[in-house]
Amino acid sequence: MGFFTEHLASRRDQKELGQGVWRRAHDRFRRGLDRFHQVLEQIQDQDLLAQVVPVANDLADLLPRVRQICVTTQGFAPDQNQEIPHSDGGWLHDLHRELSRAGNDLAQAAEALAMARFRSPGVDAVRANELSLSALTRRTDAVTERVQRAENLLRSRGFRAPHPPPRSLPTA
């Protein structure tokens, strides 16, 4: 990305997400996703890679949803500092908690993926992959559940948290 493109993206983020808790929640999720893909690029085992790439794609599909949640929330509960805005019953705290935990779970999924590259002595490759994928699946399922809970919290308050349109594949 060039300097000018980065500058424009930064200005757009500042306009849509502000500089407070909603921006922080979005950025935490994005950093976790970046880390997951960095670890993915280091995997040499083709069998493991074939099983993990669809998971990585599913996680990448969550980023626009997280962004939409944060943009929507910033629109009606703007925040420019580090404090979660007050809400009846504390539902904005609950929403922020789900987004924060989704980002943390994503970082743990990246860690589980990094550990999947190693095998314990005395464990065959097939069993090691099964164990690694089990741990990874638990983490990635937790990420998806937390994003869904955040969307449900918005919907329960009458706000629309639409899914972005699916990514279209390039045509040849």
N, C-alpha and C. Protein backbone atom coordinates (compact mmCIF):
# COMPACT_ATOMS: atom_id res chain seq x y z
N MET A 1 0.84 -1.17 0.00
CA MET A 1 0.00 0.00 0.00
C MET A 1 0.89 1.23 0.00
N GLY A 2 0.59 2.19 -0.83
CA GLY A 2 1.38 3.41 -0.89
C GLY A 2 1.03 4.35 0.24
N PHE A 3 1.87 5.35 0.41
CA PHE A 3 1.68 6.32 1.48
C PHE A 3 0.33 7.01 1.37
N PHE A 4 -0.02 7.45 0.16
CA PHE A 4 -1.27 8.18 -0.03
C PHE A 4 -2.48 7.29 0.28
N THR A 5 -2.43 6.04 -0.15
CA THR A 5 -3.52 5.10 0.11
C THR A 5 -3.67 4.86 1.60
N GLU A 6 -2.53 4.68 2.29
CA GLU A 6 -2.57 4.48 3.75
C GLU A 6 -3.14 5.70 4.45
N HIS A 7 -2.76 6.87 3.98
CA HIS A 7 -3.26 8.11 4.59
C HIS A 7 -4.78 8.22 4.43
N LEU A 8 -5.27 7.92 3.23
CA LEU A 8 -6.72 7.98 3.00
C LEU A 8 -7.46 6.95 3.85
N ALA A 9 -6.91 5.75 3.96
CA ALA A 9 -7.54 4.71 4.79
C ALA A 9 -7.56 5.13 6.24
N SER A 10 -6.49 5.75 6.70
CA SER A 10 -6.42 6.21 8.08
C SER A 10 -7.46 7.30 8.34
N ARG A 11 -7.62 8.21 7.41
CA ARG A 11 -8.63 9.28 7.57
C ARG A 11 -10.04 8.71 7.55
N ARG A 12 -10.27 7.73 6.68
CA ARG A 12 -11.59 7.10 6.63
C ARG A 12 -11.89 6.39 7.95
N ASP A 13 -10.88 5.66 8.46
CA ASP A 13 -11.06 4.98 9.75
C ASP A 13 -11.36 5.98 10.86
N GLN A 14 -10.62 7.08 10.87
CA GLN A 14 -10.85 8.07 11.92
C GLN A 14 -12.26 8.65 11.82
N LYS A 15 -12.73 8.90 10.61
CA LYS A 15 -14.07 9.45 10.42
C LYS A 15 -15.14 8.44 10.82
N GLU A 16 -14.99 7.18 10.40
CA GLU A 16 -16.02 6.19 10.65
C GLU A 16 -15.96 5.57 12.04
N LEU A 17 -14.74 5.38 12.57
CA LEU A 17 -14.56 4.66 13.82
C LEU A 17 -14.17 5.55 15.00
N GLY A 18 -13.80 6.79 14.72
CA GLY A 18 -13.34 7.68 15.79
C GLY A 18 -11.96 7.26 16.28
N GLN A 19 -11.65 7.68 17.51
CA GLN A 19 -10.36 7.35 18.11
C GLN A 19 -10.51 6.62 19.43
N GLY A 20 -11.73 6.26 19.78
CA GLY A 20 -11.99 5.67 21.09
C GLY A 20 -12.10 4.17 21.10
N VAL A 21 -12.99 3.68 21.95
CA VAL A 21 -13.08 2.25 22.22
C VAL A 21 -13.52 1.43 21.00
N TRP A 22 -14.35 1.99 20.14
CA TRP A 22 -14.83 1.22 18.98
C TRP A 22 -13.71 1.05 17.97
N ARG A 23 -12.89 2.08 17.81
CA ARG A 23 -11.71 1.97 16.94
C ARG A 23 -10.73 0.95 17.51
N ARG A 24 -10.54 1.01 18.81
CA ARG A 24 -9.61 0.07 19.46
C ARG A 24 -10.08 -1.36 19.29
N ALA A 25 -11.39 -1.59 19.46
CA ALA A 25 -11.92 -2.95 19.31
C ALA A 25 -11.73 -3.46 17.88
N HIS A 26 -11.99 -2.60 16.91
CA HIS A 26 -11.81 -2.97 15.50
C HIS A 26 -10.34 -3.26 15.21
N ASP A 27 -9.47 -2.39 15.67
CA ASP A 27 -8.04 -2.55 15.40
C ASP A 27 -7.49 -3.80 16.08
N ARG A 28 -7.96 -4.13 17.26
CA ARG A 28 -7.52 -5.35 17.95
C ARG A 28 -7.89 -6.58 17.12
N PHE A 29 -9.08 -6.59 16.59
CA PHE A 29 -9.53 -7.72 15.76
C PHE A 29 -8.67 -7.80 14.50
N ARG A 30 -8.45 -6.67 13.86
CA ARG A 30 -7.67 -6.65 12.63
C ARG A 30 -6.23 -7.12 12.86
N ARG A 31 -5.63 -6.71 13.97
CA ARG A 31 -4.26 -7.16 14.27
C ARG A 31 -4.22 -8.67 14.50
N GLY A 32 -5.24 -9.21 15.19
CA GLY A 32 -5.30 -10.65 15.39
C GLY A 32 -5.42 -11.39 14.07
N LEU A 33 -6.22 -10.85 13.18
CA LEU A 33 -6.39 -11.47 11.86
C LEU A 33 -5.09 -11.39 11.05
N ASP A 34 -4.42 -10.26 11.12
CA ASP A 34 -3.13 -10.13 10.44
C ASP A 34 -2.14 -11.15 10.97
N ARG A 35 -2.11 -11.31 12.28
CA ARG A 35 -1.18 -12.28 12.89
C ARG A 35 -1.52 -13.70 12.45
N PHE A 36 -2.81 -14.04 12.41
CA PHE A 36 -3.23 -15.36 11.98
C PHE A 36 -2.71 -15.64 10.57
N HIS A 37 -2.85 -14.68 9.68
CA HIS A 37 -2.40 -14.87 8.30
C HIS A 37 -0.87 -14.89 8.19
N GLN A 38 -0.18 -14.16 9.06
CA GLN A 38 1.28 -14.23 9.06
C GLN A 38 1.75 -15.63 9.44
N VAL A 39 1.11 -16.21 10.44
CA VAL A 39 1.46 -17.57 10.86
C VAL A 39 1.11 -18.55 9.75
N LEU A 40 -0.04 -18.35 9.12
CA LEU A 40 -0.48 -19.22 8.03
C LEU A 40 0.55 -19.26 6.90
N GLU A 41 1.15 -18.12 6.59
CA GLU A 41 2.13 -18.05 5.51
C GLU A 41 3.39 -18.85 5.83
N GLN A 42 3.64 -19.15 7.09
CA GLN A 42 4.84 -19.88 7.48
C GLN A 42 4.66 -21.39 7.50
N ILE A 43 3.44 -21.86 7.33
CA ILE A 43 3.17 -23.30 7.39
C ILE A 43 3.68 -23.98 6.13
N GLN A 44 4.44 -25.05 6.33
CA GLN A 44 5.02 -25.79 5.21
C GLN A 44 4.23 -27.07 4.90
N ASP A 45 3.54 -27.62 5.90
CA ASP A 45 2.80 -28.87 5.77
C ASP A 45 1.57 -28.63 4.88
N GLN A 46 1.58 -29.21 3.69
CA GLN A 46 0.51 -28.97 2.73
C GLN A 46 -0.84 -29.52 3.17
N ASP A 47 -0.83 -30.65 3.91
CA ASP A 47 -2.09 -31.21 4.41
C ASP A 47 -2.72 -30.26 5.43
N LEU A 48 -1.92 -29.78 6.35
CA LEU A 48 -2.40 -28.83 7.36
C LEU A 48 -2.86 -27.55 6.69
N LEU A 49 -2.10 -27.07 5.75
CA LEU A 49 -2.43 -25.84 5.04
C LEU A 49 -3.77 -25.96 4.32
N ALA A 50 -4.01 -27.10 3.69
CA ALA A 50 -5.27 -27.31 2.97
C ALA A 50 -6.46 -27.28 3.92
N GLN A 51 -6.26 -27.70 5.15
CA GLN A 51 -7.35 -27.70 6.11
C GLN A 51 -7.55 -26.34 6.76
N VAL A 52 -6.50 -25.55 6.85
CA VAL A 52 -6.57 -24.29 7.58
C VAL A 52 -6.97 -23.10 6.69
N VAL A 53 -6.66 -23.16 5.41
CA VAL A 53 -6.98 -22.03 4.53
C VAL A 53 -8.48 -21.68 4.54
N PRO A 54 -9.39 -22.65 4.47
CA PRO A 54 -10.82 -22.27 4.56
C PRO A 54 -11.17 -21.60 5.89
N VAL A 55 -10.54 -22.03 6.96
CA VAL A 55 -10.77 -21.40 8.27
C VAL A 55 -10.28 -19.96 8.23
N ALA A 56 -9.11 -19.74 7.64
CA ALA A 56 -8.56 -18.39 7.52
C ALA A 56 -9.48 -17.50 6.69
N ASN A 57 -10.06 -18.06 5.64
CA ASN A 57 -10.99 -17.29 4.81
C ASN A 57 -12.24 -16.92 5.60
N ASP A 58 -12.75 -17.86 6.41
CA ASP A 58 -13.92 -17.57 7.24
C ASP A 58 -13.62 -16.47 8.24
N LEU A 59 -12.44 -16.51 8.83
CA LEU A 59 -12.05 -15.46 9.78
C LEU A 59 -11.93 -14.11 9.08
N ALA A 60 -11.37 -14.11 7.88
CA ALA A 60 -11.24 -12.86 7.12
C ALA A 60 -12.61 -12.28 6.79
N ASP A 61 -13.60 -13.16 6.57
CA ASP A 61 -14.95 -12.70 6.28
C ASP A 61 -15.60 -12.02 7.49
N LEU A 62 -15.07 -12.24 8.68
CA LEU A 62 -15.61 -11.61 9.88
C LEU A 62 -15.19 -10.14 10.01
N LEU A 63 -14.06 -9.77 9.43
CA LEU A 63 -13.56 -8.40 9.60
C LEU A 63 -14.56 -7.34 9.14
N PRO A 64 -15.18 -7.45 7.96
CA PRO A 64 -16.17 -6.43 7.58
C PRO A 64 -17.36 -6.40 8.54
N ARG A 65 -17.71 -7.53 9.11
CA ARG A 65 -18.82 -7.55 10.07
C ARG A 65 -18.43 -6.82 11.35
N VAL A 66 -17.21 -7.05 11.83
CA VAL A 66 -16.73 -6.36 13.02
C VAL A 66 -16.66 -4.86 12.74
N ARG A 67 -16.17 -4.51 11.58
CA ARG A 67 -16.10 -3.09 11.22
C ARG A 67 -17.49 -2.47 11.21
N GLN A 68 -18.45 -3.16 10.63
CA GLN A 68 -19.81 -2.63 10.56
C GLN A 68 -20.39 -2.44 11.97
N ILE A 69 -20.14 -3.38 12.85
CA ILE A 69 -20.60 -3.24 14.24
C ILE A 69 -19.99 -2.00 14.86
N CYS A 70 -18.69 -1.82 14.69
CA CYS A 70 -18.00 -0.69 15.29
C CYS A 70 -18.44 0.63 14.68
N VAL A 71 -18.61 0.67 13.36
CA VAL A 71 -19.07 1.90 12.69
C VAL A 71 -20.49 2.24 13.15
N THR A 72 -21.36 1.25 13.20
CA THR A 72 -22.73 1.48 13.66
C THR A 72 -22.75 2.00 15.08
N THR A 73 -21.98 1.39 15.93
CA THR A 73 -21.95 1.79 17.33
C THR A 73 -21.35 3.18 17.49
N GLN A 74 -20.30 3.47 16.76
CA GLN A 74 -19.71 4.81 16.82
C GLN A 74 -20.70 5.85 16.34
N GLY A 75 -21.59 5.47 15.41
CA GLY A 75 -22.58 6.41 14.90
C GLY A 75 -23.61 6.84 15.93
N PHE A 76 -24.02 5.95 16.81
CA PHE A 76 -25.04 6.33 17.80
C PHE A 76 -24.49 6.49 19.20
N ALA A 77 -23.30 6.01 19.45
CA ALA A 77 -22.65 6.17 20.76
C ALA A 77 -21.20 6.59 20.53
N PRO A 78 -21.03 7.80 19.96
CA PRO A 78 -19.68 8.22 19.60
C PRO A 78 -18.77 8.30 20.82
N ASP A 79 -17.52 7.94 20.58
CA ASP A 79 -16.55 7.95 21.66
C ASP A 79 -15.20 8.35 21.09
N GLN A 80 -14.59 9.31 21.73
CA GLN A 80 -13.26 9.75 21.31
C GLN A 80 -12.22 9.53 22.39
N ASN A 81 -12.61 8.87 23.48
CA ASN A 81 -11.64 8.60 24.54
C ASN A 81 -11.61 7.11 24.82
N GLN A 82 -11.15 6.73 25.96
CA GLN A 82 -10.97 5.31 26.26
C GLN A 82 -12.06 4.74 27.16
N GLU A 83 -13.16 5.46 27.30
CA GLU A 83 -14.24 4.99 28.15
C GLU A 83 -15.44 4.56 27.31
N ILE A 84 -16.01 3.43 27.67
CA ILE A 84 -17.18 2.92 26.97
C ILE A 84 -18.36 3.82 27.34
N PRO A 85 -19.12 4.32 26.35
CA PRO A 85 -20.25 5.20 26.66
C PRO A 85 -21.29 4.50 27.54
N HIS A 86 -21.98 5.29 28.35
CA HIS A 86 -23.01 4.76 29.23
C HIS A 86 -24.19 4.28 28.39
N SER A 87 -24.84 3.22 28.86
CA SER A 87 -26.04 2.70 28.19
C SER A 87 -26.95 2.08 29.24
N ASP A 88 -28.23 2.04 28.94
CA ASP A 88 -29.20 1.41 29.84
C ASP A 88 -28.87 -0.06 30.00
N GLY A 89 -28.68 -0.46 31.22
CA GLY A 89 -28.38 -1.87 31.50
C GLY A 89 -26.95 -2.26 31.14
N GLY A 90 -26.15 -1.32 30.68
CA GLY A 90 -24.75 -1.62 30.36
C GLY A 90 -24.55 -2.45 29.11
N TRP A 91 -25.50 -2.39 28.18
CA TRP A 91 -25.38 -3.26 27.01
C TRP A 91 -24.22 -2.87 26.10
N LEU A 92 -23.82 -1.57 26.12
CA LEU A 92 -22.64 -1.20 25.33
C LEU A 92 -21.37 -1.82 25.92
N HIS A 93 -21.33 -1.96 27.23
CA HIS A 93 -20.20 -2.66 27.85
C HIS A 93 -20.18 -4.11 27.38
N ASP A 94 -21.36 -4.72 27.34
CA ASP A 94 -21.45 -6.11 26.88
C ASP A 94 -21.00 -6.23 25.42
N LEU A 95 -21.42 -5.27 24.60
CA LEU A 95 -21.04 -5.27 23.19
C LEU A 95 -19.52 -5.13 23.05
N HIS A 96 -18.95 -4.19 23.79
CA HIS A 96 -17.50 -3.99 23.73
C HIS A 96 -16.76 -5.23 24.24
N ARG A 97 -17.29 -5.86 25.28
CA ARG A 97 -16.67 -7.07 25.83
C ARG A 97 -16.63 -8.17 24.77
N GLU A 98 -17.74 -8.35 24.05
CA GLU A 98 -17.77 -9.39 23.01
C GLU A 98 -16.75 -9.10 21.90
N LEU A 99 -16.65 -7.83 21.49
CA LEU A 99 -15.69 -7.47 20.45
C LEU A 99 -14.25 -7.65 20.94
N SER A 100 -13.99 -7.26 22.18
CA SER A 100 -12.64 -7.42 22.74
C SER A 100 -12.27 -8.89 22.86
N ARG A 101 -13.20 -9.67 23.32
CA ARG A 101 -12.92 -11.11 23.45
C ARG A 101 -12.77 -11.77 22.09
N ALA A 102 -13.50 -11.31 21.11
CA ALA A 102 -13.33 -11.85 19.75
C ALA A 102 -11.91 -11.59 19.27
N GLY A 103 -11.40 -10.38 19.52
CA GLY A 103 -10.03 -10.06 19.15
C GLY A 103 -9.02 -10.91 19.91
N ASN A 104 -9.27 -11.11 21.20
CA ASN A 104 -8.37 -11.95 22.00
C ASN A 104 -8.43 -13.40 21.56
N ASP A 105 -9.62 -13.90 21.28
CA ASP A 105 -9.76 -15.28 20.80
C ASP A 105 -9.07 -15.46 19.45
N LEU A 106 -9.12 -14.43 18.63
CA LEU A 106 -8.44 -14.50 17.34
C LEU A 106 -6.93 -14.58 17.53
N ALA A 107 -6.41 -13.82 18.48
CA ALA A 107 -4.97 -13.90 18.78
C ALA A 107 -4.62 -15.30 19.30
N GLN A 108 -5.50 -15.89 20.11
CA GLN A 108 -5.26 -17.25 20.60
C GLN A 108 -5.35 -18.26 19.46
N ALA A 109 -6.21 -18.00 18.48
CA ALA A 109 -6.29 -18.89 17.31
C ALA A 109 -4.99 -18.83 16.53
N ALA A 110 -4.41 -17.64 16.41
CA ALA A 110 -3.11 -17.52 15.73
C ALA A 110 -2.04 -18.29 16.50
N GLU A 111 -2.12 -18.24 17.82
CA GLU A 111 -1.17 -18.99 18.65
C GLU A 111 -1.36 -20.50 18.45
N ALA A 112 -2.62 -20.95 18.42
CA ALA A 112 -2.90 -22.37 18.20
C ALA A 112 -2.39 -22.81 16.83
N LEU A 113 -2.53 -21.93 15.85
CA LEU A 113 -2.02 -22.25 14.51
C LEU A 113 -0.50 -22.34 14.52
N ALA A 114 0.14 -21.45 15.23
CA ALA A 114 1.60 -21.51 15.33
C ALA A 114 2.03 -22.81 15.99
N MET A 115 1.33 -23.25 17.00
CA MET A 115 1.66 -24.48 17.69
C MET A 115 1.38 -25.70 16.81
N ALA A 116 0.46 -25.57 15.86
CA ALA A 116 0.12 -26.69 14.98
C ALA A 116 1.31 -27.09 14.10
N ARG A 117 2.28 -26.20 13.96
CA ARG A 117 3.45 -26.51 13.14
C ARG A 117 4.39 -27.50 13.82
N PHE A 118 4.22 -27.66 15.13
CA PHE A 118 5.12 -28.53 15.89
C PHE A 118 4.41 -29.81 16.27
N ARG A 119 5.20 -30.85 16.47
CA ARG A 119 4.63 -32.15 16.81
C ARG A 119 5.36 -32.70 18.03
N SER A 120 4.58 -33.23 18.95
CA SER A 120 5.17 -33.84 20.15
C SER A 120 5.89 -35.12 19.77
N PRO A 121 6.99 -35.44 20.46
CA PRO A 121 7.68 -36.70 20.19
C PRO A 121 6.76 -37.89 20.47
N GLY A 122 6.79 -38.86 19.61
CA GLY A 122 6.00 -40.06 19.80
C GLY A 122 4.58 -39.96 19.27
N VAL A 123 4.20 -38.81 18.71
CA VAL A 123 2.85 -38.65 18.16
C VAL A 123 2.98 -38.61 16.64
N ASP A 124 2.20 -39.47 15.97
CA ASP A 124 2.31 -39.49 14.52
C ASP A 124 1.70 -38.23 13.91
N ALA A 125 2.02 -37.97 12.67
CA ALA A 125 1.62 -36.73 12.00
C ALA A 125 0.11 -36.57 11.92
N VAL A 126 -0.59 -37.65 11.63
CA VAL A 126 -2.05 -37.58 11.50
C VAL A 126 -2.68 -37.19 12.83
N ARG A 127 -2.27 -37.85 13.90
CA ARG A 127 -2.82 -37.55 15.23
C ARG A 127 -2.44 -36.13 15.67
N ALA A 128 -1.23 -35.71 15.37
CA ALA A 128 -0.80 -34.36 15.73
C ALA A 128 -1.65 -33.32 15.01
N ASN A 129 -1.95 -33.54 13.73
CA ASN A 129 -2.81 -32.62 12.99
C ASN A 129 -4.22 -32.59 13.56
N GLU A 130 -4.74 -33.76 13.94
CA GLU A 130 -6.09 -33.81 14.54
C GLU A 130 -6.15 -32.98 15.82
N LEU A 131 -5.15 -33.16 16.68
CA LEU A 131 -5.11 -32.41 17.93
C LEU A 131 -4.98 -30.92 17.69
N SER A 132 -4.11 -30.56 16.77
CA SER A 132 -3.89 -29.15 16.45
C SER A 132 -5.15 -28.52 15.87
N LEU A 133 -5.78 -29.22 14.96
CA LEU A 133 -7.00 -28.69 14.34
C LEU A 133 -8.14 -28.58 15.34
N SER A 134 -8.18 -29.49 16.30
CA SER A 134 -9.20 -29.42 17.34
C SER A 134 -9.05 -28.15 18.17
N ALA A 135 -7.83 -27.85 18.58
CA ALA A 135 -7.57 -26.63 19.35
C ALA A 135 -7.87 -25.39 18.51
N LEU A 136 -7.47 -25.42 17.27
CA LEU A 136 -7.70 -24.29 16.38
C LEU A 136 -9.20 -24.07 16.14
N THR A 137 -9.92 -25.15 15.96
CA THR A 137 -11.36 -25.06 15.73
C THR A 137 -12.08 -24.46 16.94
N ARG A 138 -11.68 -24.86 18.13
CA ARG A 138 -12.29 -24.28 19.33
C ARG A 138 -12.09 -22.77 19.37
N ARG A 139 -10.92 -22.33 19.06
CA ARG A 139 -10.61 -20.88 19.10
C ARG A 139 -11.39 -20.14 18.01
N THR A 140 -11.38 -20.66 16.79
CA THR A 140 -12.05 -19.95 15.70
C THR A 140 -13.56 -19.96 15.88
N ASP A 141 -14.11 -21.04 16.44
CA ASP A 141 -15.54 -21.07 16.74
C ASP A 141 -15.89 -20.00 17.77
N ALA A 142 -15.01 -19.82 18.75
CA ALA A 142 -15.24 -18.80 19.78
C ALA A 142 -15.24 -17.40 19.16
N VAL A 143 -14.36 -17.17 18.20
CA VAL A 143 -14.31 -15.87 17.52
C VAL A 143 -15.64 -15.60 16.81
N THR A 144 -16.09 -16.57 16.04
CA THR A 144 -17.34 -16.42 15.29
C THR A 144 -18.53 -16.21 16.23
N GLU A 145 -18.59 -16.97 17.31
CA GLU A 145 -19.68 -16.82 18.27
C GLU A 145 -19.70 -15.44 18.89
N ARG A 146 -18.55 -14.91 19.22
CA ARG A 146 -18.49 -13.58 19.84
C ARG A 146 -18.94 -12.49 18.88
N VAL A 147 -18.56 -12.60 17.63
CA VAL A 147 -19.01 -11.63 16.63
C VAL A 147 -20.53 -11.73 16.47
N GLN A 148 -21.05 -12.95 16.43
CA GLN A 148 -22.50 -13.13 16.32
C GLN A 148 -23.23 -12.55 17.53
N ARG A 149 -22.67 -12.76 18.72
CA ARG A 149 -23.28 -12.18 19.93
C ARG A 149 -23.30 -10.66 19.87
N ALA A 150 -22.21 -10.07 19.38
CA ALA A 150 -22.16 -8.61 19.26
C ALA A 150 -23.23 -8.13 18.28
N GLU A 151 -23.37 -8.83 17.16
CA GLU A 151 -24.41 -8.46 16.19
C GLU A 151 -25.80 -8.61 16.82
N ASN A 152 -26.01 -9.67 17.58
CA ASN A 152 -27.30 -9.89 18.23
C ASN A 152 -27.61 -8.81 19.26
N LEU A 153 -26.58 -8.34 19.97
CA LEU A 153 -26.79 -7.25 20.91
C LEU A 153 -27.27 -5.99 20.19
N LEU A 154 -26.66 -5.70 19.06
CA LEU A 154 -27.11 -4.54 18.28
C LEU A 154 -28.55 -4.72 17.80
N ARG A 155 -28.84 -5.89 17.28
CA ARG A 155 -30.20 -6.14 16.78
C ARG A 155 -31.23 -6.07 17.91
N SER A 156 -30.86 -6.56 19.08
CA SER A 156 -31.81 -6.55 20.20
C SER A 156 -32.16 -5.13 20.64
N ARG A 157 -31.31 -4.17 20.29
CA ARG A 157 -31.56 -2.77 20.61
C ARG A 157 -32.14 -2.00 19.44
N GLY A 158 -32.52 -2.72 18.39
CA GLY A 158 -33.17 -2.10 17.25
C GLY A 158 -32.24 -1.57 16.19
N PHE A 159 -30.97 -1.86 16.30
CA PHE A 159 -30.02 -1.42 15.30
C PHE A 159 -29.76 -2.56 14.32
N ARG A 160 -29.52 -2.17 13.11
CA ARG A 160 -29.28 -3.16 12.08
C ARG A 160 -27.78 -3.38 11.95
N ALA A 161 -27.37 -4.61 12.07
CA ALA A 161 -25.96 -4.97 11.87
C ALA A 161 -25.90 -5.91 10.68
N PRO A 162 -26.03 -5.33 9.47
CA PRO A 162 -26.11 -6.19 8.28
C PRO A 162 -24.80 -6.89 7.99
N HIS A 163 -24.95 -8.03 7.39
CA HIS A 163 -23.76 -8.72 6.87
C HIS A 163 -23.39 -8.01 5.58
N PRO A 164 -22.13 -7.78 5.36
CA PRO A 164 -21.74 -7.18 4.08
C PRO A 164 -21.97 -8.19 2.96
N PRO A 165 -22.08 -7.71 1.74
CA PRO A 165 -22.28 -8.65 0.63
C PRO A 165 -21.09 -9.59 0.53
N PRO A 166 -21.33 -10.83 0.10
CA PRO A 166 -20.23 -11.78 -0.02
C PRO A 166 -19.21 -11.28 -1.04
N ARG A 167 -17.97 -11.68 -0.78
CA ARG A 167 -16.91 -11.31 -1.72
C ARG A 167 -17.14 -12.02 -3.04
N SER A 168 -16.99 -11.30 -4.11
CA SER A 168 -17.15 -11.94 -5.41
C SER A 168 -15.79 -12.40 -5.90
N LEU A 169 -15.79 -13.53 -6.54
CA LEU A 169 -14.56 -14.08 -7.10
C LEU A 169 -14.28 -13.39 -8.42
N PRO A 170 -13.02 -13.13 -8.69
CA PRO A 170 -12.70 -12.50 -9.98
C PRO A 170 -13.03 -13.44 -11.13
N THR A 171 -13.51 -12.86 -12.18
CA THR A 171 -13.82 -13.66 -13.37
C THR A 171 -12.69 -13.52 -14.36
N ALA A 172 -12.45 -14.59 -15.06
CA ALA A 172 -11.33 -14.58 -16.02
C ALA A 172 -11.81 -14.15 -17.38
